[in-house]
Protein backbone atom coordinates (compact mmCIF):
# COMPACT_ATOMS: atom_id res chain seq x y z
CA UNK A 1 -27.74 41.40 -87.88
CA UNK A 2 -30.85 43.23 -89.02
CA UNK A 3 -34.04 41.79 -90.50
CA UNK A 4 -37.72 42.44 -91.02
CA UNK A 5 -38.89 39.35 -89.12
CA UNK A 6 -36.94 37.69 -86.31
CA UNK A 7 -38.46 34.30 -85.50
CA UNK A 8 -37.68 32.59 -82.20
CA UNK A 9 -38.15 28.81 -82.36
CA UNK A 10 -37.19 26.25 -84.99
CA UNK A 11 -39.95 23.66 -84.73
CA UNK A 12 -42.65 23.28 -87.35
CA UNK A 13 -44.30 26.52 -86.17
CA UNK A 14 -41.16 28.60 -86.61
CA UNK A 15 -39.99 26.90 -89.80
CA UNK A 16 -43.36 27.28 -91.55
CA UNK A 17 -43.66 30.90 -90.39
CA UNK A 18 -40.15 31.59 -91.72
CA UNK A 19 -41.07 30.21 -95.14
CA UNK A 20 -44.25 32.28 -95.44
CA UNK A 21 -42.85 35.50 -94.01
CA UNK A 22 -39.75 35.28 -96.20
CA UNK A 23 -42.09 36.13 -99.07
CA UNK A 24 -42.75 39.50 -97.35
CA UNK A 25 -39.30 40.50 -96.13
CA UNK A 26 -35.96 39.40 -94.75
CA UNK A 27 -36.26 36.63 -92.16
CA UNK A 28 -33.89 35.32 -89.50
CA UNK A 29 -34.90 32.23 -87.51
CA UNK A 30 -33.23 31.49 -84.18
CA UNK A 31 -33.24 27.99 -82.66
CA UNK A 32 -31.61 27.34 -79.28
CA UNK A 33 -30.80 23.68 -80.00
CA UNK A 34 -28.30 22.20 -82.46
CA UNK A 35 -30.94 21.32 -85.04
CA UNK A 36 -34.44 22.29 -86.12
CA UNK A 37 -37.36 20.30 -84.74
CA UNK A 38 -35.47 19.10 -81.67
CA UNK A 39 -38.28 19.25 -79.11
CA UNK A 40 -42.00 18.62 -79.81
CA UNK A 41 -41.67 18.66 -83.61
CA UNK A 42 -39.04 15.92 -83.56
CA UNK A 43 -41.17 13.69 -81.31
CA UNK A 44 -44.49 13.81 -83.13
CA UNK A 45 -46.73 10.84 -83.93
CA UNK A 46 -46.79 12.29 -87.46
CA UNK A 47 -50.41 11.81 -88.57
CA UNK A 48 -52.80 13.82 -90.69
CA UNK A 49 -56.31 13.15 -89.40
CA UNK A 50 -58.45 15.92 -90.84
CA UNK A 51 -61.21 15.62 -88.22
CA UNK A 52 -58.91 15.60 -85.17
CA UNK A 53 -59.10 18.65 -82.92
CA UNK A 54 -61.47 21.47 -81.90
CA UNK A 55 -63.37 23.35 -84.63
CA UNK A 56 -60.71 25.99 -85.34
CA UNK A 57 -58.08 23.25 -85.66
CA UNK A 58 -60.27 21.20 -88.00
CA UNK A 59 -60.69 24.32 -90.14
CA UNK A 60 -56.89 24.66 -90.33
CA UNK A 61 -56.55 20.93 -91.08
CA UNK A 62 -58.92 21.20 -94.01
CA UNK A 63 -57.22 24.32 -95.33
CA UNK A 64 -53.87 22.48 -95.09
CA UNK A 65 -54.98 19.33 -96.90
CA UNK A 66 -54.04 20.40 -100.43
CA UNK A 67 -50.54 21.39 -99.29
CA UNK A 68 -50.04 18.05 -97.54
CA UNK A 69 -51.19 16.15 -100.62
CA UNK A 70 -49.40 18.12 -103.32
CA UNK A 71 -46.64 20.50 -102.18
CA UNK A 72 -43.11 19.30 -102.97
CA UNK A 73 -44.45 15.98 -104.18
CA UNK A 74 -46.72 15.55 -101.16
CA UNK A 75 -46.02 14.56 -97.57
CA UNK A 76 -48.65 11.85 -97.05
CA UNK A 77 -48.72 8.06 -97.21
CA UNK A 78 -51.74 5.85 -96.46
CA UNK A 79 -52.24 4.73 -92.87
CA UNK A 80 -55.85 4.73 -91.65
CA UNK A 81 -57.10 5.35 -88.14
CA UNK A 82 -59.01 2.86 -85.97
CA UNK A 83 -60.64 3.45 -82.60
CA UNK A 84 -61.50 0.51 -80.36
CA UNK A 85 -63.44 0.22 -77.13
CA UNK A 86 -64.01 -2.31 -74.40
CA UNK A 87 -66.83 -3.31 -72.04
CA UNK A 88 -68.69 -0.39 -70.50
CA UNK A 89 -67.30 2.13 -73.00
CA UNK A 90 -70.10 2.11 -75.56
CA UNK A 91 -71.35 5.66 -74.95
CA UNK A 92 -67.84 7.08 -75.06
CA UNK A 93 -67.26 5.13 -78.27
CA UNK A 94 -70.45 6.53 -79.83
CA UNK A 95 -69.45 10.06 -78.89
CA UNK A 96 -65.91 9.64 -80.22
CA UNK A 97 -66.78 8.13 -83.60
CA UNK A 98 -69.37 10.85 -84.16
CA UNK A 99 -66.88 13.60 -83.36
CA UNK A 100 -64.13 12.05 -85.49
CA UNK A 101 -66.44 10.96 -88.33
CA UNK A 102 -65.43 7.30 -88.09
CA UNK A 103 -67.36 4.44 -89.67
CA UNK A 104 -68.24 1.63 -87.28
CA UNK A 105 -66.90 -1.73 -88.45
CA UNK A 106 -67.33 -5.30 -87.23
CA UNK A 107 -64.82 -6.98 -84.97
CA UNK A 108 -64.00 -9.41 -87.79
CA UNK A 109 -63.09 -6.52 -90.10
CA UNK A 110 -61.09 -4.82 -87.36
CA UNK A 111 -59.19 -8.02 -86.56
CA UNK A 112 -58.57 -8.54 -90.27
CA UNK A 113 -56.67 -5.26 -90.26
CA UNK A 114 -54.99 -5.73 -86.87
CA UNK A 115 -54.72 -9.48 -86.13
CA UNK A 116 -53.67 -9.07 -82.48
CA UNK A 117 -56.98 -7.50 -81.35
CA UNK A 118 -58.46 -9.45 -78.46
CA UNK A 119 -62.01 -10.75 -79.06
CA UNK A 120 -62.54 -10.98 -75.29
CA UNK A 121 -62.00 -7.27 -74.66
CA UNK A 122 -62.63 -5.37 -77.90
CA UNK A 123 -66.37 -4.71 -78.16
CA UNK A 124 -66.54 -1.98 -80.83
CA UNK A 125 -64.34 -0.55 -83.57
CA UNK A 126 -64.51 2.50 -85.82
CA UNK A 127 -62.37 3.31 -88.85
CA UNK A 128 -61.35 6.32 -90.92
CA UNK A 129 -59.53 5.14 -94.03
CA UNK A 130 -58.35 8.62 -95.08
CA UNK A 131 -56.02 9.26 -92.11
CA UNK A 132 -52.43 9.34 -93.34
CA UNK A 133 -48.84 9.44 -92.15
CA UNK A 134 -46.99 12.75 -92.46
CA UNK A 135 -43.32 13.04 -93.41
CA UNK A 136 -42.62 15.51 -90.62
CA UNK A 137 -38.85 15.80 -90.89
CA UNK A 138 -38.99 16.55 -94.61
CA UNK A 139 -41.71 19.13 -94.01
CA UNK A 140 -39.61 21.04 -91.46
CA UNK A 141 -36.58 20.94 -93.73
CA UNK A 142 -38.56 22.00 -96.81
CA UNK A 143 -40.03 25.01 -95.01
CA UNK A 144 -36.53 25.99 -93.85
CA UNK A 145 -35.24 25.53 -97.40
CA UNK A 146 -37.99 27.81 -98.70
CA UNK A 147 -36.98 30.51 -96.21
CA UNK A 148 -33.33 30.21 -97.21
CA UNK A 149 -34.24 30.42 -100.91
CA UNK A 150 -35.68 33.87 -100.17
CA UNK A 151 -32.40 34.95 -98.51
CA UNK A 152 -33.60 34.01 -95.03
CA UNK A 153 -31.17 32.80 -92.40
CA UNK A 154 -31.60 29.83 -90.05
CA UNK A 155 -29.31 29.99 -87.03
CA UNK A 156 -29.04 27.16 -84.50
CA UNK A 157 -27.39 27.15 -81.04
CA UNK A 158 -28.86 30.60 -80.55
CA UNK A 159 -30.60 30.70 -77.19
CA UNK A 160 -32.29 34.04 -76.56
CA UNK A 161 -31.03 35.74 -73.40
CA UNK A 162 -32.35 39.30 -73.68
CA UNK A 163 -35.01 41.21 -75.62
CA UNK A 164 -35.45 44.98 -75.73
CA UNK A 165 -37.97 47.13 -77.60
CA UNK A 166 -37.34 50.71 -78.66
CA UNK A 167 -38.32 53.18 -81.37
CA UNK A 168 -36.35 51.20 -83.96
CA UNK A 169 -38.05 47.89 -83.18
CA UNK A 170 -36.73 44.80 -81.41
CA UNK A 171 -33.19 44.24 -80.16
CA UNK A 172 -32.43 40.62 -79.27
CA UNK A 173 -29.37 38.95 -77.77
CA UNK A 174 -28.97 35.26 -78.63
CA UNK A 175 -26.02 32.90 -78.77
CA UNK A 176 -23.59 35.75 -78.17
CA UNK A 177 -24.87 37.75 -81.15
CA UNK A 178 -27.11 40.83 -81.45
CA UNK A 179 -30.11 41.01 -83.75
CA UNK A 180 -32.43 43.86 -84.74
CA UNK A 181 -35.87 43.34 -86.24
CA UNK A 182 -38.95 45.30 -87.16
CA UNK A 183 -41.21 42.46 -85.99
CA UNK A 184 -40.62 39.63 -83.53
CA UNK A 185 -42.32 36.25 -84.05
CA UNK A 186 -42.70 34.10 -80.95
CA UNK A 187 -42.71 30.46 -82.09
CA UNK A 188 -40.82 29.07 -79.11
CA UNK A 189 -43.18 26.20 -78.28
CA UNK A 190 -43.27 25.42 -74.56
CA UNK A 191 -41.08 28.48 -73.95
CA UNK A 192 -43.35 31.11 -75.58
CA UNK A 193 -44.42 32.70 -72.29
CA UNK A 194 -40.78 32.93 -71.20
CA UNK A 195 -39.96 34.73 -74.45
CA UNK A 196 -42.95 37.02 -73.93
CA UNK A 197 -41.72 37.87 -70.43
CA UNK A 198 -38.29 38.76 -71.78
CA UNK A 199 -40.00 41.01 -74.32
CA UNK A 200 -42.23 42.69 -71.74
CA UNK A 201 -45.38 41.27 -73.34
CA UNK A 202 -48.23 39.73 -71.33
CA UNK A 203 -48.18 35.90 -71.42
CA UNK A 204 -50.94 33.78 -72.96
CA UNK A 205 -50.97 31.18 -70.18
CA UNK A 206 -49.19 28.44 -72.14
CA UNK A 207 -49.60 24.95 -70.70
CA UNK A 208 -46.82 22.51 -71.68
CA UNK A 209 -48.11 18.95 -71.34
CA UNK A 210 -45.92 15.87 -71.49
CA UNK A 211 -46.71 12.93 -73.77
CA UNK A 212 -44.62 9.76 -73.56
CA UNK A 213 -43.87 7.12 -76.17
CA UNK A 214 -42.43 3.60 -76.24
CA UNK A 215 -41.05 1.77 -79.25
CA UNK A 216 -41.86 -1.98 -79.24
CA UNK A 217 -40.76 -4.80 -81.53
CA UNK A 218 -43.46 -5.80 -84.02
CA UNK A 219 -45.99 -7.78 -81.91
CA UNK A 220 -45.75 -11.52 -82.46
CA UNK A 221 -43.47 -11.02 -85.43
CA UNK A 222 -46.33 -9.58 -87.51
CA UNK A 223 -45.70 -7.29 -90.46
CA UNK A 224 -47.28 -4.10 -89.12
CA UNK A 225 -46.63 -2.03 -92.26
CA UNK A 226 -50.27 -1.79 -93.32
CA UNK A 227 -51.86 -1.61 -89.87
CA UNK A 228 -53.83 1.54 -89.09
CA UNK A 229 -53.08 3.75 -86.14
CA UNK A 230 -55.00 2.41 -83.13
CA UNK A 231 -56.53 4.49 -80.36
CA UNK A 232 -58.48 3.65 -77.24
CA UNK A 233 -61.72 5.57 -76.64
CA UNK A 234 -61.27 8.88 -74.90
CA UNK A 235 -57.69 8.92 -76.25
CA UNK A 236 -56.42 6.94 -73.25
CA UNK A 237 -53.67 5.28 -75.35
CA UNK A 238 -52.66 4.88 -78.95
CA UNK A 239 -50.41 2.67 -81.05
CA UNK A 240 -48.91 3.41 -84.45
CA UNK A 241 -46.70 1.40 -86.82
CA UNK A 242 -43.33 3.00 -87.48
CA UNK A 243 -40.46 1.54 -89.54
CA UNK A 244 -41.49 -2.05 -88.84
CA UNK A 245 -41.95 -1.41 -85.11
CA UNK A 246 -44.92 -0.31 -83.02
CA UNK A 247 -45.05 2.98 -81.16
CA UNK A 248 -47.32 2.93 -78.10
CA UNK A 249 -48.23 5.98 -76.04
CA UNK A 250 -50.24 6.37 -72.83
CA UNK A 251 -51.54 9.58 -74.46
CA UNK A 252 -51.06 11.45 -71.19
CA UNK A 253 -51.32 15.22 -70.96
CA UNK A 254 -49.50 15.92 -67.70
CA UNK A 255 -48.80 19.59 -67.04
CA UNK A 256 -45.06 20.26 -66.65
CA UNK A 257 -42.59 23.13 -66.86
CA UNK A 258 -40.72 23.74 -70.16
CA UNK A 259 -37.76 21.35 -70.36
CA UNK A 260 -36.12 18.69 -72.52
CA UNK A 261 -38.82 16.13 -71.82
CA UNK A 262 -38.34 12.47 -70.96
CA UNK A 263 -40.83 9.66 -70.38
CA UNK A 264 -42.25 8.97 -66.92
CA UNK A 265 -41.73 5.24 -66.32
CA UNK A 266 -44.89 4.74 -64.26
CA UNK A 267 -47.11 6.65 -66.70
CA UNK A 268 -45.60 4.69 -69.59
CA UNK A 269 -46.21 1.38 -67.82
CA UNK A 270 -49.85 2.30 -67.16
CA UNK A 271 -50.36 3.20 -70.82
CA UNK A 272 -48.77 -0.02 -72.01
CA UNK A 273 -51.09 -1.93 -69.68
CA UNK A 274 -54.15 -0.21 -71.23
CA UNK A 275 -52.88 -1.20 -74.67
CA UNK A 276 -52.18 -4.79 -73.55
CA UNK A 277 -55.77 -5.19 -72.32
CA UNK A 278 -57.00 -4.86 -75.91
CA UNK A 279 -54.56 -7.20 -77.67
CA UNK A 280 -53.51 -10.85 -77.48
CA UNK A 281 -49.76 -10.28 -77.65
CA UNK A 282 -48.17 -9.09 -74.37
CA UNK A 283 -45.45 -6.47 -74.22
CA UNK A 284 -42.21 -8.32 -73.54
CA UNK A 285 -39.66 -5.66 -74.42
CA UNK A 286 -39.47 -1.89 -74.83
CA UNK A 287 -36.69 -0.98 -77.24
CA UNK A 288 -36.64 2.73 -76.42
CA UNK A 289 -38.79 5.49 -74.98
CA UNK A 290 -39.02 9.28 -75.06
CA UNK A 291 -41.42 12.15 -74.46
CA UNK A 292 -42.35 15.48 -75.97
CA UNK A 293 -44.17 18.60 -74.79
CA UNK A 294 -47.45 19.51 -76.46
CA UNK A 295 -48.16 23.12 -75.57
CA UNK A 296 -51.70 24.46 -75.27
CA UNK A 297 -53.44 27.76 -74.68
CA UNK A 298 -56.04 27.60 -71.89
CA UNK A 299 -58.84 27.02 -74.43
CA UNK A 300 -56.93 24.32 -76.31
CA UNK A 301 -56.47 25.95 -79.69
CA UNK A 302 -53.67 27.78 -81.51
CA UNK A 303 -52.63 31.40 -80.93
CA UNK A 304 -51.79 33.14 -84.20
CA UNK A 305 -51.23 36.79 -84.99
CA UNK A 306 -50.11 40.16 -83.59
CA UNK A 307 -50.40 40.75 -79.88
CA UNK A 308 -53.32 43.14 -79.23
CA UNK A 309 -51.18 45.33 -76.97
CA UNK A 310 -47.90 45.12 -78.93
CA UNK A 311 -48.67 44.80 -82.63
CA UNK A 312 -45.08 44.12 -83.76
CA UNK A 313 -44.92 41.07 -81.44
CA UNK A 314 -46.40 38.13 -83.38
CA UNK A 315 -47.64 34.97 -81.70
CA UNK A 316 -47.22 31.63 -83.47
CA UNK A 317 -47.92 29.41 -80.51
CA UNK A 318 -49.96 26.74 -78.71
CA UNK A 319 -49.87 24.16 -81.50
CA UNK A 320 -50.68 21.43 -78.99
CA UNK A 321 -50.77 18.09 -80.79
CA UNK A 322 -51.86 19.70 -84.04
CA UNK A 323 -48.71 21.48 -85.22
CA UNK A 324 -47.83 19.53 -88.34
CA UNK A 325 -51.32 18.96 -89.66
CA UNK A 326 -52.21 22.65 -89.29
CA UNK A 327 -48.84 24.20 -90.25
CA UNK A 328 -49.51 25.01 -93.93
CA UNK A 329 -52.73 26.93 -93.22
CA UNK A 330 -51.60 28.36 -89.87
CA UNK A 331 -48.45 29.85 -91.37
CA UNK A 332 -50.40 31.20 -94.34
CA UNK A 333 -52.88 32.87 -91.99
CA UNK A 334 -49.99 34.39 -90.05
CA UNK A 335 -48.47 35.83 -93.22
CA UNK A 336 -51.86 37.09 -94.40
CA UNK A 337 -52.39 38.96 -91.14
CA UNK A 338 -48.92 40.45 -91.10
CA UNK A 339 -49.01 41.35 -94.80
CA UNK A 340 -52.54 42.70 -94.79
CA UNK A 341 -53.89 40.09 -97.23
CA UNK A 342 -57.35 38.54 -97.15
CA UNK A 343 -57.41 35.10 -95.53
CA UNK A 344 -59.38 32.18 -96.96
CA UNK A 345 -60.39 31.22 -93.42
CA UNK A 346 -63.76 32.30 -92.06
CA UNK A 347 -63.96 35.19 -89.59
CA UNK A 348 -65.16 32.86 -86.82
CA UNK A 349 -62.07 30.70 -87.21
CA UNK A 350 -59.73 33.68 -87.28
CA UNK A 351 -61.31 35.04 -84.10
CA UNK A 352 -60.92 31.66 -82.38
CA UNK A 353 -57.17 31.73 -83.17
CA UNK A 354 -56.50 35.37 -82.36
CA UNK A 355 -54.33 36.35 -79.35
CA UNK A 356 -56.98 38.97 -78.53
CA UNK A 357 -59.31 36.25 -77.21
CA UNK A 358 -56.93 35.63 -74.31
CA UNK A 359 -56.76 39.23 -73.10
């Protein structure tokens, strides 16, 4: 099969890139698993917090906000975001609420929103009302639908085994089939450096980092529907309501090799203990647990655009924990660069996202 853009990876990065690039030419997306969004994208905490991330990420968040609010009926529902701290953490708390633009609130107000907060251990609380839940599964599927509506193809169970470059472009073997493309888009998540190696392109130094999650019954039988997402200072744990349950994560960032991730029992137990210190209801049962890989460049921000040494090899990588909230603007920037259009993002932001910074 022949196309203009061959995209490797069917998470939110690849799906959003497929939608945007399908406006410029024929797209084929290859995903090695049975379904889109199987790895990191299917294991996301699914929040839109506009102020979360380094400056280039925040710029992408803000440029994505209109899409999240309005595209396809919108993907957001109210949630709110609360940070809490304990004894001896005041300076860290001050630093965090300043960086995240949170409003400090009283313990009484915090406990009014989350009744299980422990007055003996919670010393400070900050709140951002505007943080919202993201419908991540629908977003992935809608981007894929947009690509298909422009005659794009989405092919699952297509693990890439060989890549060759010649005068005609890229030749790729995947899932027992052969593909030819003018441009190759590397959106393979934790596997992007492995794809680069197959293609003979210098790696970016991707760092896959595990993050674990536990699903708990609603604490004390409370209705958690309207609770905000909770986070400990320094992002040492977080908890988020989900379908009447509570998701709790140790918020670890342990460097691992690319694989189908699973939770580390000891790390999960330590994170649950940090959460328990701040609430009055102990954890008595974990209903399920899992983990995902958040993949980072060495400087912690996304890598978007043509490789400086191989211009028809396009990076769409290193989304870290920011993939969904940045996807609308990140994919638009990618298409602008490939199509030669003027981006709405400032030059400083574009430079901070460029693969050239890592060479």
